[in-house]
Amino acid sequence: MLDAIEEKALRDALVKADFVQTKAAESLGITKSLLQYKMKKFKIKKN
């Protein structure tokens, strides 16, 4: 359940930031490297 919420938050932030990872990470209050780690974890790629 928590993973689903986290994945949705990541996807929403990336879409809002036009997949600019630095902007998405800043909006989530995390580092870019953590964002990239979580993108790999949830298999999130720019379409």
N, C-alpha and C. Protein backbone atom coordinates (compact mmCIF):
# COMPACT_ATOMS: atom_id res chain seq x y z
N MET A 1 0.83 -1.20 0.00
CA MET A 1 0.00 0.00 0.00
C MET A 1 0.87 1.26 0.00
N LEU A 2 1.85 1.29 0.88
CA LEU A 2 2.73 2.45 0.96
C LEU A 2 3.52 2.62 -0.34
N ASP A 3 3.96 1.51 -0.92
CA ASP A 3 4.68 1.58 -2.20
C ASP A 3 3.81 2.20 -3.28
N ALA A 4 2.54 1.87 -3.31
CA ALA A 4 1.63 2.40 -4.32
C ALA A 4 1.48 3.92 -4.17
N ILE A 5 1.39 4.38 -2.94
CA ILE A 5 1.27 5.82 -2.67
C ILE A 5 2.56 6.54 -3.09
N GLU A 6 3.70 5.93 -2.74
CA GLU A 6 4.99 6.53 -3.08
C GLU A 6 5.17 6.58 -4.61
N GLU A 7 4.81 5.51 -5.29
CA GLU A 7 4.94 5.49 -6.74
C GLU A 7 4.07 6.56 -7.39
N LYS A 8 2.84 6.72 -6.91
CA LYS A 8 1.94 7.73 -7.47
C LYS A 8 2.51 9.13 -7.25
N ALA A 9 3.05 9.39 -6.06
CA ALA A 9 3.65 10.69 -5.77
C ALA A 9 4.83 10.97 -6.70
N LEU A 10 5.65 9.96 -6.94
CA LEU A 10 6.78 10.12 -7.86
C LEU A 10 6.30 10.42 -9.27
N ARG A 11 5.35 9.64 -9.75
CA ARG A 11 4.83 9.83 -11.10
C ARG A 11 4.19 11.23 -11.25
N ASP A 12 3.41 11.63 -10.26
CA ASP A 12 2.76 12.94 -10.32
C ASP A 12 3.79 14.07 -10.35
N ALA A 13 4.82 13.96 -9.51
CA ALA A 13 5.86 14.98 -9.47
C ALA A 13 6.62 15.05 -10.79
N LEU A 14 6.92 13.89 -11.36
CA LEU A 14 7.64 13.86 -12.64
C LEU A 14 6.81 14.46 -13.77
N VAL A 15 5.54 14.14 -13.81
CA VAL A 15 4.67 14.70 -14.85
C VAL A 15 4.57 16.21 -14.69
N LYS A 16 4.37 16.66 -13.45
CA LYS A 16 4.26 18.09 -13.19
C LYS A 16 5.54 18.84 -13.57
N ALA A 17 6.69 18.18 -13.41
CA ALA A 17 7.98 18.78 -13.74
C ALA A 17 8.42 18.47 -15.17
N ASP A 18 7.51 17.95 -15.98
CA ASP A 18 7.84 17.57 -17.37
C ASP A 18 9.03 16.63 -17.42
N PHE A 19 9.11 15.74 -16.46
CA PHE A 19 10.17 14.73 -16.34
C PHE A 19 11.56 15.34 -16.17
N VAL A 20 11.62 16.57 -15.70
CA VAL A 20 12.91 17.16 -15.30
C VAL A 20 13.16 16.66 -13.88
N GLN A 21 14.12 15.74 -13.77
CA GLN A 21 14.32 15.04 -12.50
C GLN A 21 14.71 15.97 -11.36
N THR A 22 15.51 16.97 -11.63
CA THR A 22 15.92 17.90 -10.58
C THR A 22 14.72 18.62 -9.99
N LYS A 23 13.83 19.11 -10.87
CA LYS A 23 12.63 19.81 -10.41
C LYS A 23 11.71 18.87 -9.63
N ALA A 24 11.54 17.66 -10.14
CA ALA A 24 10.67 16.69 -9.46
C ALA A 24 11.21 16.36 -8.08
N ALA A 25 12.51 16.15 -7.99
CA ALA A 25 13.12 15.83 -6.70
C ALA A 25 12.94 16.98 -5.71
N GLU A 26 13.16 18.21 -6.19
CA GLU A 26 12.99 19.37 -5.31
C GLU A 26 11.56 19.47 -4.80
N SER A 27 10.60 19.21 -5.67
CA SER A 27 9.20 19.33 -5.25
C SER A 27 8.83 18.26 -4.21
N LEU A 28 9.55 17.13 -4.25
CA LEU A 28 9.30 16.06 -3.29
C LEU A 28 10.15 16.19 -2.03
N GLY A 29 11.12 17.11 -2.08
CA GLY A 29 12.01 17.29 -0.92
C GLY A 29 13.02 16.17 -0.78
N ILE A 30 13.43 15.57 -1.91
CA ILE A 30 14.43 14.51 -1.89
C ILE A 30 15.55 14.87 -2.87
N THR A 31 16.64 14.11 -2.82
CA THR A 31 17.74 14.37 -3.73
C THR A 31 17.45 13.74 -5.09
N LYS A 32 18.15 14.23 -6.10
CA LYS A 32 17.99 13.69 -7.44
C LYS A 32 18.40 12.22 -7.48
N SER A 33 19.47 11.88 -6.75
CA SER A 33 19.92 10.48 -6.76
C SER A 33 18.89 9.56 -6.10
N LEU A 34 18.22 10.03 -5.06
CA LEU A 34 17.17 9.22 -4.44
C LEU A 34 15.99 9.06 -5.40
N LEU A 35 15.66 10.13 -6.10
CA LEU A 35 14.59 10.06 -7.09
C LEU A 35 14.94 9.02 -8.16
N GLN A 36 16.17 9.04 -8.65
CA GLN A 36 16.59 8.08 -9.67
C GLN A 36 16.54 6.65 -9.14
N TYR A 37 16.94 6.45 -7.90
CA TYR A 37 16.86 5.13 -7.28
C TYR A 37 15.41 4.64 -7.25
N LYS A 38 14.51 5.52 -6.83
CA LYS A 38 13.10 5.14 -6.73
C LYS A 38 12.48 4.93 -8.11
N MET A 39 12.94 5.68 -9.10
CA MET A 39 12.46 5.47 -10.47
C MET A 39 12.84 4.07 -10.95
N LYS A 40 14.06 3.64 -10.62
CA LYS A 40 14.47 2.27 -10.99
C LYS A 40 13.64 1.25 -10.23
N LYS A 41 13.43 1.50 -8.94
CA LYS A 41 12.67 0.58 -8.09
C LYS A 41 11.26 0.35 -8.65
N PHE A 42 10.62 1.43 -9.10
CA PHE A 42 9.24 1.33 -9.60
C PHE A 42 9.19 1.21 -11.13
N LYS A 43 10.37 1.12 -11.76
CA LYS A 43 10.45 0.98 -13.22
C LYS A 43 9.72 2.12 -13.94
N ILE A 44 10.02 3.34 -13.49
CA ILE A 44 9.42 4.54 -14.09
C ILE A 44 10.38 5.09 -15.13
N LYS A 45 9.90 5.22 -16.34
CA LYS A 45 10.69 5.82 -17.43
C LYS A 45 9.84 6.83 -18.14
N LYS A 46 10.50 7.82 -18.74
CA LYS A 46 9.76 8.79 -19.54
C LYS A 46 9.22 8.09 -20.77
N ASN A 47 7.95 8.30 -21.02
CA ASN A 47 7.31 7.61 -22.17
C ASN A 47 7.65 8.23 -23.47
